[in-house]
Amino acid sequence: MRNFILFIRRFFNLILFITLEIVCLVLIARTHAVQGVDLISSSNSMVGALYQKQNEVVYYFELKRMNDSLLNENKKLQERIVGQQQWERVKDTIVNRGFRASDTSVTLTYANFIYRTARVINNEVSNTDNYITINRGSADGIKKNMAVISGAGAVGKVVSVSKHFASVISVLSEKQPISAKLHDGTFGPVVWEIGKPDVLIMKDVSQEVKIRRGDAVMTTNFSFLPENILIGRVFKVELIKKNSMQRIYLHTAVNFRNLQYVYVVENTFLQEKMDLEEANK
């Protein structure tokens, strides 16, 4: 108590001055409309600036959660798109009969896909065969041979799995060709041009096929990836005189130098398909 009284006595003049200033400001705000509006406006500006700074800090620390939320939303959209494509294909192939893929009374010729989100924690782009490490493993349902894509396009295939992590061989790999198709349905393998992380090549395309810069090259249903995933876009076409065929150069749909989030895609019929094909060998 004694210290408090000493504090008041020591700063009495300053405390009195601040108190009188506050009283004056309140009286002015209440009795003078113009000055009152100015004071309130200034106060609102200061509070608004403080809230803005607070929001910027909160926004920064919430970015990870927001990214995860966006990934989950994208995953749902991907699944809806696949479902819609399946519905349309069924309507195209069976006249005047509509049903959904869940109808087990018919045989459907396409696979069902399950999408799982994952974050890239390591990524290679400069080796002959490049690998990506993701933060999902067997505990999350990840298995060997599952396809990996991003929101932009094709990424690669899972080759090994631990409990909490998985290794993916990317399309930037000498031993990971992709079955691809052009706009007219012409298909063939797409391979990586070693040393260039944003260039792929589609070889031995017939001269009869008309190709233009910007044409999309997509995955086929022969690929380990889901069908109609963007692989890249044409930026150069070269005529090979030796065999009179065309060589197509693509810019990868995915920016592998800045790959952060991916989707691991499970084809629920893949193992059955692989077992059957293995039995025929």
Protein backbone atom coordinates (compact mmCIF):
# COMPACT_ATOMS: atom_id res chain seq x y z
CA MET A 1 0.00 0.00 0.00
CA ARG A 2 2.82 2.35 0.90
CA ASN A 3 4.51 1.72 -2.47
CA PHE A 4 1.26 2.46 -4.29
CA ILE A 5 0.87 5.80 -2.48
CA LEU A 6 4.48 6.69 -3.27
CA PHE A 7 3.86 5.84 -6.94
CA ILE A 8 0.77 8.12 -7.03
CA ARG A 9 2.66 10.98 -5.40
CA ARG A 10 5.59 10.58 -7.78
CA PHE A 11 3.52 10.55 -11.01
CA PHE A 12 0.57 12.61 -9.78
CA ASN A 13 1.01 15.37 -12.39
CA LEU A 14 1.26 12.92 -15.29
CA ILE A 15 -1.77 10.93 -14.13
CA LEU A 16 -3.81 14.11 -13.69
CA PHE A 17 -2.81 15.33 -17.16
CA ILE A 18 -3.81 12.04 -18.85
CA THR A 19 -7.12 11.95 -16.96
CA LEU A 20 -8.00 15.52 -17.96
CA GLU A 21 -7.07 14.80 -21.59
CA ILE A 22 -9.40 11.80 -21.66
CA VAL A 23 -12.23 13.86 -20.10
CA CYS A 24 -11.70 16.61 -22.70
CA LEU A 25 -11.74 14.16 -25.58
CA VAL A 26 -14.95 12.53 -24.33
CA LEU A 27 -16.64 15.94 -23.92
CA ILE A 28 -15.55 17.05 -27.39
CA ALA A 29 -16.77 13.84 -28.97
CA ARG A 30 -20.18 14.21 -27.30
CA THR A 31 -20.80 17.94 -27.76
CA HIS A 32 -19.05 18.81 -31.05
CA ALA A 33 -20.29 16.76 -34.01
CA VAL A 34 -17.43 17.50 -36.41
CA GLN A 35 -14.63 16.93 -33.93
CA GLY A 36 -16.44 13.88 -32.57
CA VAL A 37 -16.63 12.29 -36.03
CA ASP A 38 -12.93 12.98 -36.57
CA LEU A 39 -12.03 11.36 -33.27
CA ILE A 40 -14.18 8.30 -33.93
CA SER A 41 -12.82 8.02 -37.46
CA SER A 42 -9.24 8.17 -36.21
CA SER A 43 -9.99 5.61 -33.52
CA ASN A 44 -11.60 3.25 -36.04
CA SER A 45 -8.60 3.61 -38.36
CA MET A 46 -6.19 2.67 -35.58
CA VAL A 47 -8.29 -0.29 -34.45
CA GLY A 48 -8.73 -1.40 -38.07
CA ALA A 49 -4.99 -1.29 -38.66
CA LEU A 50 -4.39 -3.36 -35.52
CA TYR A 51 -6.99 -5.92 -36.60
CA GLN A 52 -5.44 -6.09 -40.05
CA LYS A 53 -2.00 -6.82 -38.62
CA GLN A 54 -3.49 -9.40 -36.29
CA ASN A 55 -5.29 -11.03 -39.20
CA GLU A 56 -2.10 -11.13 -41.28
CA VAL A 57 -0.26 -12.94 -38.47
CA VAL A 58 -3.12 -15.41 -37.96
CA TYR A 59 -3.40 -15.92 -41.73
CA TYR A 60 0.31 -16.78 -41.97
CA PHE A 61 0.10 -19.43 -39.25
CA GLU A 62 -3.14 -20.80 -40.72
CA LEU A 63 -1.67 -21.35 -44.22
CA LYS A 64 -0.89 -25.03 -43.60
CA ARG A 65 -4.42 -25.74 -42.41
CA MET A 66 -5.83 -23.82 -45.36
CA ASN A 67 -3.64 -25.78 -47.79
CA ASP A 68 -4.79 -29.06 -46.27
CA SER A 69 -8.41 -27.89 -46.50
CA LEU A 70 -7.99 -26.95 -50.16
CA LEU A 71 -6.39 -30.32 -50.88
CA ASN A 72 -9.33 -32.13 -49.33
CA GLU A 73 -11.77 -30.03 -51.34
CA ASN A 74 -9.82 -30.75 -54.52
CA LYS A 75 -9.83 -34.44 -53.68
CA LYS A 76 -13.63 -34.40 -53.41
CA LEU A 77 -13.88 -32.55 -56.72
CA GLN A 78 -11.58 -35.07 -58.41
CA GLU A 79 -13.75 -37.93 -57.20
CA ARG A 80 -16.90 -36.16 -58.39
CA ILE A 81 -15.33 -35.51 -61.80
CA VAL A 82 -14.36 -39.19 -62.17
CA GLY A 83 -17.87 -40.21 -61.14
CA GLN A 84 -19.39 -37.85 -63.70
CA GLN A 85 -17.08 -39.15 -66.44
CA GLN A 86 -18.11 -42.70 -65.61
CA TRP A 87 -21.78 -41.73 -65.79
CA GLU A 88 -21.32 -40.04 -69.17
CA ARG A 89 -19.39 -42.98 -70.61
CA VAL A 90 -22.10 -45.39 -69.54
CA LYS A 91 -24.81 -43.22 -71.12
CA ASP A 92 -22.75 -43.03 -74.33
CA THR A 93 -22.27 -46.78 -74.59
CA ILE A 94 -25.71 -48.00 -73.53
CA VAL A 95 -28.53 -46.27 -75.39
CA ASN A 96 -31.58 -45.12 -73.41
CA ARG A 97 -30.42 -46.69 -70.21
CA GLY A 98 -29.05 -44.69 -67.29
CA PHE A 99 -27.45 -46.07 -64.18
CA ARG A 100 -24.63 -45.26 -61.83
CA ALA A 101 -21.32 -47.03 -61.45
CA SER A 102 -22.48 -48.44 -58.11
CA ASP A 103 -25.09 -50.56 -59.95
CA THR A 104 -23.64 -54.09 -59.63
CA SER A 105 -26.13 -55.61 -62.04
CA VAL A 106 -23.96 -54.57 -65.02
CA THR A 107 -20.31 -54.91 -65.99
CA LEU A 108 -18.37 -51.66 -66.29
CA THR A 109 -15.09 -51.43 -68.18
CA TYR A 110 -13.45 -48.72 -66.07
CA ALA A 111 -11.97 -48.71 -62.60
CA ASN A 112 -13.00 -46.88 -59.46
CA PHE A 113 -10.46 -44.52 -57.95
CA ILE A 114 -9.83 -43.39 -54.39
CA TYR A 115 -7.85 -40.20 -53.85
CA ARG A 116 -5.59 -39.54 -50.86
CA THR A 117 -3.77 -36.27 -50.26
CA ALA A 118 -0.06 -36.12 -49.40
CA ARG A 119 2.70 -33.56 -48.95
CA VAL A 120 6.03 -33.76 -50.76
CA ILE A 121 8.92 -33.80 -48.28
CA ASN A 122 11.74 -34.59 -50.70
CA ASN A 123 11.99 -34.19 -54.46
CA GLU A 124 14.68 -34.95 -57.06
CA VAL A 125 14.83 -33.45 -60.57
CA SER A 126 18.45 -33.81 -61.73
CA ASN A 127 19.13 -37.57 -61.69
CA THR A 128 18.61 -40.14 -64.44
CA ASP A 129 15.78 -41.60 -62.35
CA ASN A 130 14.16 -39.12 -59.98
CA TYR A 131 12.25 -39.97 -56.82
CA ILE A 132 9.80 -38.10 -54.61
CA THR A 133 9.19 -38.81 -50.92
CA ILE A 134 5.70 -38.14 -49.52
CA ASN A 135 4.46 -38.01 -45.93
CA ARG A 136 1.95 -40.85 -46.27
CA GLY A 137 2.59 -44.57 -45.88
CA SER A 138 0.97 -47.94 -45.32
CA ALA A 139 -0.72 -46.62 -42.18
CA ASP A 140 -2.61 -44.21 -44.45
CA GLY A 141 -3.58 -46.85 -47.00
CA ILE A 142 -0.75 -46.19 -49.46
CA LYS A 143 0.43 -49.21 -51.47
CA LYS A 144 3.03 -49.97 -54.10
CA ASN A 145 2.06 -49.20 -57.74
CA MET A 146 -0.49 -46.54 -56.83
CA ALA A 147 -0.58 -43.59 -59.21
CA VAL A 148 0.41 -40.11 -58.07
CA ILE A 149 -0.93 -36.91 -59.61
CA SER A 150 -1.19 -33.24 -58.68
CA GLY A 151 -3.84 -30.66 -59.42
CA ALA A 152 -1.87 -29.84 -62.58
CA GLY A 153 -1.31 -33.34 -63.99
CA ALA A 154 0.69 -36.59 -63.94
CA VAL A 155 3.45 -37.00 -61.32
CA GLY A 156 4.50 -40.67 -61.06
CA LYS A 157 3.99 -44.03 -59.33
CA VAL A 158 4.55 -45.35 -55.81
CA VAL A 159 7.47 -47.82 -55.78
CA SER A 160 8.12 -48.43 -52.08
CA VAL A 161 6.21 -47.85 -48.86
CA SER A 162 7.03 -47.69 -45.15
CA LYS A 163 4.56 -47.18 -42.32
CA HIS A 164 4.50 -43.38 -42.55
CA PHE A 165 6.24 -42.54 -45.84
CA ALA A 166 6.29 -43.58 -49.48
CA SER A 167 8.75 -43.24 -52.34
CA VAL A 168 7.44 -42.25 -55.77
CA ILE A 169 9.29 -42.58 -59.07
CA SER A 170 8.36 -39.49 -61.03
CA VAL A 171 7.71 -39.16 -64.76
CA LEU A 172 11.16 -37.53 -64.83
CA SER A 173 12.71 -40.97 -65.02
CA GLU A 174 14.34 -43.03 -67.75
CA LYS A 175 12.54 -46.17 -66.56
CA GLN A 176 9.09 -44.65 -66.13
CA PRO A 177 7.47 -44.16 -69.58
CA ILE A 178 3.80 -43.18 -69.68
CA SER A 179 1.14 -44.41 -72.08
CA ALA A 180 -0.16 -41.22 -73.68
CA LYS A 181 -2.61 -40.09 -76.34
CA LEU A 182 -3.09 -37.07 -78.59
CA HIS A 183 -6.32 -35.22 -79.33
CA ASP A 184 -7.20 -37.57 -82.21
CA GLY A 185 -6.71 -40.72 -80.14
CA THR A 186 -3.20 -41.54 -81.44
CA PHE A 187 -1.30 -43.12 -78.57
CA GLY A 188 2.28 -43.96 -77.73
CA PRO A 189 4.83 -43.77 -74.91
CA VAL A 190 6.01 -40.49 -73.45
CA VAL A 191 9.53 -40.47 -72.00
CA TRP A 192 11.66 -37.95 -70.19
CA GLU A 193 14.35 -35.95 -71.92
CA ILE A 194 17.08 -36.51 -69.35
CA GLY A 195 18.49 -33.36 -67.80
CA LYS A 196 15.47 -31.14 -68.44
CA PRO A 197 12.95 -31.20 -65.55
CA ASP A 198 10.20 -29.61 -67.63
CA VAL A 199 10.51 -31.48 -70.96
CA LEU A 200 9.03 -34.83 -72.07
CA ILE A 201 9.16 -36.48 -75.50
CA MET A 202 6.62 -38.50 -77.47
CA LYS A 203 8.44 -40.41 -80.23
CA ASP A 204 7.45 -42.09 -83.50
CA VAL A 205 4.21 -40.25 -84.21
CA SER A 206 2.92 -40.63 -87.77
CA GLN A 207 3.28 -37.66 -90.13
CA GLU A 208 -0.42 -37.94 -90.89
CA VAL A 209 -1.28 -36.74 -87.40
CA LYS A 210 -1.75 -32.96 -87.36
CA ILE A 211 -0.19 -31.50 -84.24
CA ARG A 212 -0.13 -27.89 -83.12
CA ARG A 213 1.68 -26.05 -80.37
CA GLY A 214 -0.37 -26.06 -77.19
CA ASP A 215 -2.10 -29.38 -77.89
CA ALA A 216 -2.71 -31.39 -74.74
CA VAL A 217 -1.24 -34.87 -74.30
CA MET A 218 -3.23 -37.03 -71.88
CA THR A 219 -2.89 -40.42 -70.19
CA THR A 220 -4.62 -43.47 -71.68
CA ASN A 221 -6.54 -46.27 -70.00
CA PHE A 222 -3.46 -48.49 -70.59
CA SER A 223 -1.45 -46.37 -68.16
CA PHE A 224 -0.92 -46.97 -64.45
CA LEU A 225 -2.44 -43.49 -64.09
CA PRO A 226 -6.16 -42.72 -64.37
CA GLU A 227 -7.26 -41.94 -67.91
CA ASN A 228 -7.33 -38.35 -69.23
CA ILE A 229 -4.80 -36.91 -66.79
CA LEU A 230 -2.80 -34.12 -68.40
CA ILE A 231 0.83 -35.08 -69.03
CA GLY A 232 1.97 -31.95 -70.85
CA ARG A 233 1.44 -29.59 -73.78
CA VAL A 234 3.20 -29.55 -77.13
CA PHE A 235 5.75 -26.79 -77.66
CA LYS A 236 7.78 -28.24 -80.55
CA VAL A 237 7.30 -30.83 -83.32
CA GLU A 238 10.32 -32.30 -85.10
CA LEU A 239 10.32 -34.42 -88.28
CA ILE A 240 12.75 -37.34 -88.16
CA LYS A 241 13.83 -37.90 -91.77
CA LYS A 242 15.38 -41.28 -91.02
CA ASN A 243 11.99 -42.93 -90.45
CA SER A 244 9.64 -40.15 -91.60
CA MET A 245 8.05 -39.94 -88.17
CA GLN A 246 7.38 -37.02 -85.88
CA ARG A 247 8.93 -36.39 -82.48
CA ILE A 248 6.84 -34.26 -80.13
CA TYR A 249 8.32 -32.19 -77.32
CA LEU A 250 6.11 -31.40 -74.32
CA HIS A 251 6.33 -29.02 -71.42
CA THR A 252 5.36 -31.01 -68.33
CA ALA A 253 1.97 -30.11 -66.88
CA VAL A 254 3.50 -30.26 -63.39
CA ASN A 255 6.18 -27.86 -62.18
CA PHE A 256 8.47 -30.44 -60.57
CA ARG A 257 10.82 -27.77 -59.25
CA ASN A 258 8.06 -26.49 -56.97
CA LEU A 259 5.96 -29.58 -56.26
CA GLN A 260 4.50 -29.42 -52.74
CA TYR A 261 1.23 -31.36 -52.62
CA VAL A 262 0.02 -34.44 -54.51
CA TYR A 263 -2.82 -36.95 -54.67
CA VAL A 264 -2.15 -40.68 -54.36
CA VAL A 265 -4.72 -42.48 -56.49
CA GLU A 266 -5.83 -46.02 -55.70
CA ASN A 267 -7.29 -48.04 -58.55
CA THR A 268 -9.46 -50.55 -56.71
CA PHE A 269 -9.22 -53.00 -59.63
CA LEU A 270 -5.46 -52.68 -60.14
CA GLN A 271 -4.31 -55.71 -58.14
CA GLU A 272 -6.88 -57.96 -59.80
CA LYS A 273 -5.77 -56.71 -63.22
CA MET A 274 -2.07 -57.22 -62.40
CA ASP A 275 -2.69 -60.74 -61.06
CA LEU A 276 -4.59 -61.70 -64.21
CA GLU A 277 -1.93 -60.30 -66.54
CA GLU A 278 0.82 -62.02 -64.53
CA ALA A 279 -1.02 -65.36 -64.84
CA ASN A 280 -1.01 -65.04 -68.64
CA LYS A 281 2.78 -64.78 -68.84
